[in-house]
């Protein structure tokens, strides 16, 4: 009689939350599973060890790459048995079990320290379905208890922390005390956003300075925006997506600044205002060609490498061109002269209006919006169309108020530049230099009849804005 073929086993390990990517607990699960396979004389190939670290199996919308890879191996007929630390590591919802039963071949085994089941046996399938239903009930009960707990905390002005690093950015792990180093960064970034600096430039600067998120990861446009717009930054408590009142922790940004930053970021997202992130030269897109009035661009040579200066690239025109270094120096001199003009400074720095009434009205309308949704969201008599119209009207007014708050709180783009000298100018980032040029001058390049080296200022019009 030929020897019985050895059972080819797969090991599956999963943990819902591993702080900072820690794998200790899944490693412990794998060790237990290997001992179990050895006791049964089952073979486990390295490619048949599947791990989902820090991945929940509760929501079916969350992808489990290890789980999916194991199902593919089962479909290919590569696996005779599955070994898990506990059944709920593998199956947390009934639909997981049904998928597994549908794909498993007759005789496929499921083993854990508590016992062994045959996925092709109707009696074992019946027991597994009961266990899956019990597991789901435990998840639902846990969820209900946690929601009740957070409801009680919300009444006290306390909420759970966000962030995978064990704390929310800007706060200590207890969530109630501000971390000063983070707060300095948040206030700096808020000011830069209100001054018109592109988010891409801010993100690059933070990463170059070695300032990271709470997990140690580099900042992205999305992660930085998420931190800035959290109600937590303004000392507000948000519960189930709704601001319910003051929180138990202090604000890092005052309410007006927080609202203004949100309005600026919303406006940029709505208009796809990302073009300025890619500008690499002082006057590209700012200076205009005299004959066609289109913005000039940086011209390359025929090989697309060496810069030849600013020039018109509009088909049918292309009548203007200036050497970059000459035109840049000429414009910088004019900008520094205007920044040294005290009378101009007085005219361009009006007193900001009081935003307290705007913010109060904004809070009232936001609360009214949530009240309308809560009262009439399930009212069939009112109708979805009427509800949608009411919310749309409130959203429009809320958007208008946020824009007014942003405009009132927005520092002028020239703040910190008045009286600056050439060394100070050179220390500014390109985005701020370009913003100053655009705020102070309208630049028009006219065709020149002169050929050869040199620069003729008479062919460049610099008009005050």
Protein backbone atom coordinates (compact mmCIF):
# COMPACT_ATOMS: atom_id res chain seq x y z
CA UNK A 1 0.00 0.00 0.00
CA UNK A 2 1.49 3.39 -1.00
CA UNK A 3 2.16 5.81 1.89
CA UNK A 4 -0.54 8.36 2.64
CA UNK A 5 0.45 11.79 1.22
CA UNK A 6 1.37 14.39 3.81
CA UNK A 7 -1.24 17.06 4.51
CA UNK A 8 -0.27 20.46 3.08
CA UNK A 9 -1.25 23.01 5.70
CA UNK A 10 -1.54 26.78 5.67
CA UNK A 11 -1.14 28.99 8.73
CA UNK A 12 -3.29 32.11 9.06
CA UNK A 13 -2.56 34.77 11.70
CA UNK A 14 -4.39 38.05 12.28
CA UNK A 15 -4.58 40.80 14.88
CA UNK A 16 -6.97 43.74 14.64
CA UNK A 17 -4.69 46.45 15.98
CA UNK A 18 -0.92 46.39 16.25
CA UNK A 19 0.57 49.60 17.59
CA UNK A 20 3.22 50.98 15.24
CA UNK A 21 3.16 47.81 13.13
CA UNK A 22 4.20 45.55 15.98
CA UNK A 23 4.16 41.87 14.90
CA UNK A 24 4.85 40.20 18.25
CA UNK A 25 1.34 38.89 18.75
CA UNK A 26 0.97 37.48 15.25
CA UNK A 27 4.41 35.90 15.66
CA UNK A 28 3.14 34.23 18.82
CA UNK A 29 0.09 32.98 16.93
CA UNK A 30 2.32 31.52 14.21
CA UNK A 31 4.46 29.70 16.79
CA UNK A 32 1.38 28.02 18.32
CA UNK A 33 0.10 27.07 14.87
CA UNK A 34 3.43 25.55 13.83
CA UNK A 35 3.52 23.39 16.94
CA UNK A 36 -0.03 22.27 16.17
CA UNK A 37 0.89 21.36 12.59
CA UNK A 38 3.99 19.47 13.75
CA UNK A 39 1.93 17.47 16.23
CA UNK A 40 -0.30 16.36 13.33
CA UNK A 41 2.69 15.75 11.01
CA UNK A 42 1.40 18.37 8.56
CA UNK A 43 3.82 20.24 6.30
CA UNK A 44 3.77 24.04 6.14
CA UNK A 45 5.55 25.75 3.24
CA UNK A 46 6.86 29.30 3.81
CA UNK A 47 4.61 30.63 1.04
CA UNK A 48 1.58 29.22 2.82
CA UNK A 49 1.96 31.35 5.96
CA UNK A 50 -0.54 34.21 5.71
CA UNK A 51 -0.51 37.22 8.03
CA UNK A 52 -2.89 40.18 8.36
CA UNK A 53 -1.26 42.42 10.94
CA UNK A 54 -3.32 45.28 12.37
CA UNK A 55 -6.28 44.46 10.10
CA UNK A 56 -9.86 44.18 11.31
CA UNK A 57 -12.10 41.38 10.05
CA UNK A 58 -15.24 43.08 11.31
CA UNK A 59 -16.08 45.22 8.26
CA UNK A 60 -16.30 43.43 4.93
CA UNK A 61 -15.11 46.64 3.21
CA UNK A 62 -11.65 46.26 4.81
CA UNK A 63 -9.30 44.25 2.61
CA UNK A 64 -7.36 41.40 4.19
CA UNK A 65 -4.52 40.67 1.80
CA UNK A 66 -3.35 37.57 3.67
CA UNK A 67 -6.89 36.18 3.74
CA UNK A 68 -7.36 36.85 0.02
CA UNK A 69 -4.03 35.21 -0.84
CA UNK A 70 -4.97 32.13 1.18
CA UNK A 71 -8.33 31.83 -0.62
CA UNK A 72 -6.52 31.97 -3.95
CA UNK A 73 -4.20 29.15 -2.82
CA UNK A 74 -7.23 27.09 -1.76
CA UNK A 75 -8.82 27.67 -5.16
CA UNK A 76 -5.63 26.42 -6.84
CA UNK A 77 -5.78 23.23 -4.75
CA UNK A 78 -2.51 23.93 -2.93
CA UNK A 79 -3.88 23.62 0.63
CA UNK A 80 -5.37 20.62 2.44
CA UNK A 81 -5.72 22.21 5.89
CA UNK A 82 -5.79 25.58 7.63
CA UNK A 83 -4.27 26.10 11.08
CA UNK A 84 -5.30 29.10 13.18
CA UNK A 85 -4.68 30.25 16.74
CA UNK A 86 -8.42 30.64 17.28
CA UNK A 87 -11.43 30.49 15.00
CA UNK A 88 -12.21 34.20 15.38
CA UNK A 89 -8.78 35.05 13.95
CA UNK A 90 -9.96 33.50 10.67
CA UNK A 91 -13.72 34.05 10.72
CA UNK A 92 -15.30 37.09 12.33
CA UNK A 93 -18.43 37.39 10.19
CA UNK A 94 -20.75 34.74 8.71
CA UNK A 95 -19.99 35.80 5.15
CA UNK A 96 -16.30 34.90 5.66
CA UNK A 97 -17.29 31.36 6.53
CA UNK A 98 -19.59 31.01 3.53
CA UNK A 99 -16.82 32.14 1.18
CA UNK A 100 -14.43 29.64 2.75
CA UNK A 101 -16.92 26.76 2.57
CA UNK A 102 -17.67 27.52 -1.07
CA UNK A 103 -13.99 27.42 -2.09
CA UNK A 104 -12.71 24.62 0.12
CA UNK A 105 -12.30 21.18 -1.43
CA UNK A 106 -13.94 18.12 0.15
CA UNK A 107 -11.82 17.00 3.10
CA UNK A 108 -10.18 20.39 3.72
CA UNK A 109 -9.50 20.62 7.46
CA UNK A 110 -9.62 23.56 9.85
CA UNK A 111 -7.57 23.10 13.02
CA UNK A 112 -6.98 25.18 16.13
CA UNK A 113 -5.93 24.37 19.72
CA UNK A 114 -9.62 23.84 20.55
CA UNK A 115 -10.22 21.15 17.93
CA UNK A 116 -10.48 20.15 14.29
CA UNK A 117 -13.27 20.54 11.70
CA UNK A 118 -13.81 19.17 8.21
CA UNK A 119 -14.98 22.00 5.95
CA UNK A 120 -16.63 19.48 3.66
CA UNK A 121 -18.61 17.73 6.40
CA UNK A 122 -22.27 18.98 6.78
CA UNK A 123 -22.24 18.43 10.55
CA UNK A 124 -19.03 20.40 10.99
CA UNK A 125 -20.38 23.11 8.67
CA UNK A 126 -23.45 23.41 10.92
CA UNK A 127 -21.26 23.86 14.02
CA UNK A 128 -19.01 26.40 12.26
CA UNK A 129 -22.04 28.46 11.23
CA UNK A 130 -23.22 28.56 14.83
CA UNK A 131 -19.74 29.65 15.99
CA UNK A 132 -19.64 32.38 13.31
CA UNK A 133 -23.05 33.67 14.42
CA UNK A 134 -21.89 33.74 18.04
CA UNK A 135 -18.72 35.62 17.03
CA UNK A 136 -20.76 38.22 15.18
CA UNK A 137 -23.03 38.66 18.19
CA UNK A 138 -19.99 39.26 20.40
CA UNK A 139 -18.71 41.89 17.94
CA UNK A 140 -22.10 43.62 17.86
CA UNK A 141 -22.33 43.60 21.67
CA UNK A 142 -18.82 45.02 21.99
CA UNK A 143 -19.63 47.72 19.45
CA UNK A 144 -22.80 48.65 21.32
CA UNK A 145 -20.94 48.87 24.64
CA UNK A 146 -18.20 51.00 23.09
CA UNK A 147 -20.72 53.37 21.50
CA UNK A 148 -22.46 53.75 24.87
CA UNK A 149 -19.12 54.44 26.52
CA UNK A 150 -18.21 57.13 23.99
CA UNK A 151 -21.68 58.66 24.35
CA UNK A 152 -21.07 59.00 28.11
CA UNK A 153 -17.62 60.47 27.52
CA UNK A 154 -19.02 62.92 24.98
CA UNK A 155 -21.42 64.26 27.61
CA UNK A 156 -18.33 65.08 29.69
CA UNK A 157 -16.52 66.78 26.82
CA UNK A 158 -14.13 63.88 26.33
CA UNK A 159 -13.62 61.73 23.26
CA UNK A 160 -11.34 58.92 22.23
CA UNK A 161 -7.98 59.72 20.72
CA UNK A 162 -7.27 59.55 17.02
CA UNK A 163 -4.12 58.48 15.26
CA UNK A 164 -2.28 55.19 14.97
CA UNK A 165 0.60 56.54 17.03
CA UNK A 166 -1.34 56.25 20.28
CA UNK A 167 -2.16 59.96 20.47
CA UNK A 168 -3.65 62.75 18.44
CA UNK A 169 -1.15 65.11 16.79
CA UNK A 170 -0.81 68.19 18.97
CA UNK A 171 -1.68 66.42 22.21
CA UNK A 172 -0.12 64.15 24.79
CA UNK A 173 -1.29 60.50 25.00
CA UNK A 174 -3.94 61.45 27.59
CA UNK A 175 -5.60 63.65 24.96
CA UNK A 176 -6.14 66.46 27.46
CA UNK A 177 -2.78 68.24 27.44
CA UNK A 178 -1.22 70.04 24.51
CA UNK A 179 2.20 68.94 23.28
CA UNK A 180 3.96 72.26 22.82
CA UNK A 181 6.28 71.20 19.99
CA UNK A 182 3.34 69.99 17.92
CA UNK A 183 1.28 73.07 18.71
CA UNK A 184 4.05 75.32 17.37
CA UNK A 185 3.98 73.40 14.09
CA UNK A 186 0.17 73.53 13.83
CA UNK A 187 0.06 77.29 14.40
CA UNK A 188 2.88 77.83 11.93
CA UNK A 189 1.16 75.76 9.25
CA UNK A 190 -2.18 77.49 9.84
CA UNK A 191 -0.54 80.86 9.35
CA UNK A 192 1.16 79.72 6.16
CA UNK A 193 -2.11 78.36 4.77
CA UNK A 194 -3.88 81.65 5.51
CA UNK A 195 -1.01 83.54 3.87
CA UNK A 196 -1.71 81.67 0.65
CA UNK A 197 1.17 79.19 0.66
CA UNK A 198 0.41 75.99 -1.28
CA UNK A 199 -0.08 72.88 0.83
CA UNK A 200 2.39 70.97 -1.32
CA UNK A 201 5.13 73.46 -0.46
CA UNK A 202 4.31 73.29 3.25
CA UNK A 203 4.36 69.48 3.21
CA UNK A 204 7.74 69.39 1.48
CA UNK A 205 9.16 71.89 3.96
CA UNK A 206 7.97 69.93 7.01
CA UNK A 207 9.40 66.69 5.66
CA UNK A 208 12.73 68.33 4.79
CA UNK A 209 12.93 69.68 8.35
CA UNK A 210 12.37 66.20 9.75
CA UNK A 211 8.96 67.02 11.26
CA UNK A 212 6.84 63.88 11.06
CA UNK A 213 3.38 62.61 11.99
CA UNK A 214 2.72 60.81 15.28
CA UNK A 215 3.59 57.50 13.62
CA UNK A 216 6.92 58.80 12.35
CA UNK A 217 5.68 58.81 8.76
CA UNK A 218 6.28 61.80 6.46
CA UNK A 219 3.45 64.27 5.98
CA UNK A 220 1.20 64.16 2.94
CA UNK A 221 -1.27 66.74 1.64
CA UNK A 222 -4.15 64.63 3.00
CA UNK A 223 -2.70 63.88 6.43
CA UNK A 224 -1.81 67.52 7.08
CA UNK A 225 -5.22 68.76 5.98
CA UNK A 226 -6.89 66.19 8.21
CA UNK A 227 -4.98 67.42 11.27
CA UNK A 228 -5.67 71.09 10.56
CA UNK A 229 -9.41 70.63 10.06
CA UNK A 230 -10.09 68.43 13.09
CA UNK A 231 -12.45 70.15 15.56
CA UNK A 232 -10.03 68.98 18.26
CA UNK A 233 -7.61 71.72 17.12
CA UNK A 234 -10.16 74.40 18.07
CA UNK A 235 -10.96 72.83 21.45
CA UNK A 236 -14.23 71.43 20.14
CA UNK A 237 -15.77 68.02 20.71
CA UNK A 238 -16.98 66.15 17.65
CA UNK A 239 -19.20 63.14 18.26
CA UNK A 240 -20.39 60.95 15.37
CA UNK A 241 -19.36 63.64 12.91
CA UNK A 242 -21.19 66.48 14.69
CA UNK A 243 -19.65 69.26 16.81
CA UNK A 244 -21.46 68.97 20.13
CA UNK A 245 -19.72 71.70 22.12
CA UNK A 246 -16.52 72.68 23.95
CA UNK A 247 -14.13 69.86 24.75
CA UNK A 248 -12.24 69.09 27.94
CA UNK A 249 -8.90 70.00 26.36
CA UNK A 250 -7.58 73.46 25.40
CA UNK A 251 -7.63 74.79 21.84
CA UNK A 252 -4.45 75.00 19.79
CA UNK A 253 -6.09 77.31 17.23
CA UNK A 254 -8.76 79.84 18.12
CA UNK A 255 -12.17 79.18 16.57
CA UNK A 256 -11.88 82.00 14.01
CA UNK A 257 -8.48 80.83 12.74
CA UNK A 258 -9.65 77.20 12.57
CA UNK A 259 -12.73 78.18 10.57
CA UNK A 260 -10.63 80.34 8.25
CA UNK A 261 -8.12 77.56 7.58
CA UNK A 262 -10.96 75.15 6.79
CA UNK A 263 -12.52 77.65 4.41
CA UNK A 264 -9.22 78.20 2.57
CA UNK A 265 -8.58 74.48 2.20
CA UNK A 266 -12.16 73.85 1.05
CA UNK A 267 -11.87 76.59 -1.55
CA UNK A 268 -8.59 75.20 -2.88
CA UNK A 269 -10.06 71.71 -3.12
CA UNK A 270 -13.14 73.00 -4.93
CA UNK A 271 -11.13 74.95 -7.50
CA UNK A 272 -8.30 72.42 -7.87
CA UNK A 273 -5.88 75.21 -7.09
CA UNK A 274 -2.69 73.20 -7.23
CA UNK A 275 -0.94 74.82 -10.17
CA UNK A 276 1.23 77.04 -7.99
CA UNK A 277 2.82 73.98 -6.39
CA UNK A 278 4.69 73.21 -9.59
CA UNK A 279 6.08 76.73 -10.32
CA UNK A 280 9.85 76.75 -10.26
CA UNK A 281 10.65 80.24 -11.60
CA UNK A 282 9.89 83.69 -10.28
CA UNK A 283 7.89 85.16 -13.18
CA UNK A 284 6.53 82.20 -15.15
CA UNK A 285 2.76 82.54 -15.36
CA UNK A 286 2.91 86.05 -13.81
CA UNK A 287 4.53 88.24 -16.46
CA UNK A 288 2.51 88.66 -19.66
CA UNK A 289 3.31 89.07 -23.30
CA UNK A 290 2.41 92.60 -24.51
CA UNK A 291 1.00 91.70 -27.95
CA UNK A 292 -1.21 88.75 -26.91
CA UNK A 293 -1.56 89.38 -23.14
CA UNK A 294 -0.96 85.70 -22.37
CA UNK A 295 1.32 84.62 -19.49
CA UNK A 296 4.90 83.95 -20.47
CA UNK A 297 6.67 80.70 -19.73
CA UNK A 298 10.26 79.48 -19.43
CA UNK A 299 11.62 78.53 -22.82
CA UNK A 300 13.96 75.59 -23.36
CA UNK A 301 16.32 74.98 -26.24
CA UNK A 302 15.53 72.50 -28.99
CA UNK A 303 16.75 69.64 -26.79
CA UNK A 304 14.48 70.69 -23.93
CA UNK A 305 17.35 71.28 -21.53
CA UNK A 306 19.09 74.65 -21.39
CA UNK A 307 16.97 77.60 -20.24
CA UNK A 308 16.82 80.48 -22.69
CA UNK A 309 14.66 82.81 -20.56
CA UNK A 310 11.05 83.90 -20.29
CA UNK A 311 9.12 84.01 -23.53
CA UNK A 312 5.72 83.91 -25.15
CA UNK A 313 4.70 80.42 -26.21
CA UNK A 314 1.27 81.32 -27.63
CA UNK A 315 0.86 79.92 -31.16
CA UNK A 316 0.73 82.73 -33.68
CA UNK A 317 2.49 85.20 -31.38
CA UNK A 318 5.80 84.21 -29.70
CA UNK A 319 6.95 87.83 -30.11
CA UNK A 320 8.55 88.40 -26.70
CA UNK A 321 11.58 86.98 -24.97
CA UNK A 322 13.82 88.14 -22.10
CA UNK A 323 16.84 86.68 -20.38
CA UNK A 324 15.73 85.25 -17.06
CA UNK A 325 18.49 86.63 -14.84
CA UNK A 326 18.12 90.19 -16.18
CA UNK A 327 14.33 90.30 -15.89
CA UNK A 328 14.30 88.67 -12.43
CA UNK A 329 16.78 91.21 -11.05
CA UNK A 330 14.89 94.13 -12.55
CA UNK A 331 11.57 92.98 -11.04
CA UNK A 332 13.09 92.14 -7.65
CA UNK A 333 14.51 95.67 -7.41
CA UNK A 334 11.08 97.15 -8.11
CA UNK A 335 9.39 94.87 -5.57
CA UNK A 336 11.89 95.72 -2.80
CA UNK A 337 11.36 99.42 -3.49
CA UNK A 338 7.61 99.04 -3.06
CA UNK A 339 8.05 96.97 0.10
CA UNK A 340 10.07 99.86 1.55
CA UNK A 341 7.25 102.36 0.91
CA UNK A 342 5.59 103.12 4.27
CA UNK A 343 2.64 104.93 2.66
CA UNK A 344 1.91 101.90 0.50
CA UNK A 345 2.11 99.68 3.57
CA UNK A 346 -0.47 101.80 5.40
CA UNK A 347 -2.86 101.61 2.44
CA UNK A 348 -2.51 97.84 2.03
CA UNK A 349 -2.98 96.89 5.70
CA UNK A 350 -6.58 97.77 6.63
CA UNK A 351 -7.87 96.94 10.11
CA UNK A 352 -9.44 93.45 10.13
CA UNK A 353 -13.15 93.41 11.04
CA UNK A 354 -14.51 91.69 14.13
CA UNK A 355 -15.36 88.09 13.20
CA UNK A 356 -17.09 87.12 16.46
CA UNK A 357 -20.62 87.76 15.07
CA UNK A 358 -19.80 85.76 11.93
CA UNK A 359 -18.53 82.82 13.96
CA UNK A 360 -21.57 82.92 16.25
CA UNK A 361 -23.91 82.81 13.24
CA UNK A 362 -21.83 80.05 11.70
CA UNK A 363 -22.20 77.96 14.86
CA UNK A 364 -25.95 78.58 14.95
CA UNK A 365 -26.46 77.50 11.34
CA UNK A 366 -24.24 74.44 11.75
CA UNK A 367 -26.30 73.35 14.74
CA UNK A 368 -29.51 74.04 12.84
CA UNK A 369 -28.29 71.88 9.95
CA UNK A 370 -27.67 68.91 12.22
CA UNK A 371 -31.03 69.48 13.93
CA UNK A 372 -32.87 69.42 10.59
CA UNK A 373 -31.21 66.18 9.58
CA UNK A 374 -31.87 64.58 12.97
CA UNK A 375 -35.55 65.65 13.11
CA UNK A 376 -36.59 65.06 9.52
CA UNK A 377 -34.06 62.57 8.14
CA UNK A 378 -36.47 59.66 8.67
CA UNK A 379 -39.69 61.60 8.05
CA UNK A 380 -41.32 60.14 4.96
CA UNK A 381 -43.98 62.84 4.96
CA UNK A 382 -41.45 65.61 4.61
CA UNK A 383 -39.83 63.89 1.65
CA UNK A 384 -36.21 63.49 0.66
CA UNK A 385 -36.36 66.34 -1.87
CA UNK A 386 -37.58 68.86 0.71
CA UNK A 387 -34.95 67.76 3.21
CA UNK A 388 -32.24 67.96 0.56
CA UNK A 389 -33.34 71.48 -0.40
CA UNK A 390 -33.33 72.65 3.24
CA UNK A 391 -29.84 71.25 3.86
CA UNK A 392 -28.56 72.72 0.57
CA UNK A 393 -29.77 76.19 1.56
CA UNK A 394 -28.10 75.92 4.95
CA UNK A 395 -24.88 74.62 3.35
CA UNK A 396 -24.81 77.57 0.97
CA UNK A 397 -25.13 80.10 3.80
CA UNK A 398 -22.58 78.20 5.91
CA UNK A 399 -20.15 78.29 2.99
CA UNK A 400 -20.65 82.03 2.57
CA UNK A 401 -20.00 82.66 6.27
CA UNK A 402 -16.89 80.50 6.27
CA UNK A 403 -15.56 82.46 3.28
CA UNK A 404 -16.22 85.76 5.11
CA UNK A 405 -14.41 84.50 8.21
CA UNK A 406 -11.50 83.35 6.07
CA UNK A 407 -11.28 86.69 4.28
CA UNK A 408 -11.37 88.60 7.58
CA UNK A 409 -8.75 86.39 9.23
CA UNK A 410 -6.53 86.05 6.18
CA UNK A 411 -3.21 87.79 6.77
CA UNK A 412 -2.11 89.82 3.79
CA UNK A 413 0.35 87.97 1.59
CA UNK A 414 2.89 90.69 2.37
CA UNK A 415 2.90 90.24 6.16
CA UNK A 416 6.49 90.04 7.37
CA UNK A 417 7.88 91.44 4.10
CA UNK A 418 7.55 95.18 4.63
CA UNK A 419 10.96 96.85 4.80
CA UNK A 420 12.73 93.63 3.81
CA UNK A 421 16.22 93.85 2.28
CA UNK A 422 17.77 91.71 -0.43
CA UNK A 423 19.15 89.15 2.02
CA UNK A 424 15.72 88.76 3.57
CA UNK A 425 14.16 88.44 0.13
CA UNK A 426 16.57 85.68 -0.87
CA UNK A 427 15.70 83.82 2.34
CA UNK A 428 12.00 83.69 1.41
CA UNK A 429 10.63 80.64 -0.33
CA UNK A 430 9.85 80.97 -4.03
CA UNK A 431 6.11 80.69 -3.35
CA UNK A 432 6.20 83.81 -1.14
CA UNK A 433 8.39 85.71 -3.59
CA UNK A 434 5.96 84.95 -6.41
CA UNK A 435 3.01 85.94 -4.22
CA UNK A 436 4.66 89.30 -3.42
CA UNK A 437 5.36 90.00 -7.08
CA UNK A 438 1.77 89.23 -8.03
CA UNK A 439 0.41 91.38 -5.18
CA UNK A 440 2.50 94.44 -6.05
CA UNK A 441 3.12 94.53 -9.79
CA UNK A 442 1.51 93.87 -13.13
CA UNK A 443 4.35 92.92 -15.50
CA UNK A 444 4.09 93.24 -19.27
CA UNK A 445 6.92 92.36 -21.66
CA UNK A 446 6.91 94.19 -24.99
CA UNK A 447 8.83 93.13 -28.09
CA UNK A 448 12.37 94.48 -28.31
CA UNK A 449 14.05 95.65 -31.48
CA UNK A 450 17.46 95.27 -29.94
CA UNK A 451 19.41 92.10 -30.63
CA UNK A 452 22.27 90.61 -28.65
CA UNK A 453 23.26 90.73 -24.97
CA UNK A 454 22.05 93.31 -22.50
CA UNK A 455 18.71 94.34 -21.09
CA UNK A 456 16.46 97.24 -22.06
CA UNK A 457 14.17 98.21 -19.12
CA UNK A 458 12.03 100.37 -21.41
CA UNK A 459 10.56 97.21 -22.97
CA UNK A 460 9.19 95.98 -19.65
CA UNK A 461 6.16 97.69 -18.09
CA UNK A 462 5.85 97.43 -14.30
CA UNK A 463 2.44 98.76 -13.24
CA UNK A 464 1.39 98.98 -9.59
CA UNK A 465 -1.48 96.64 -8.77
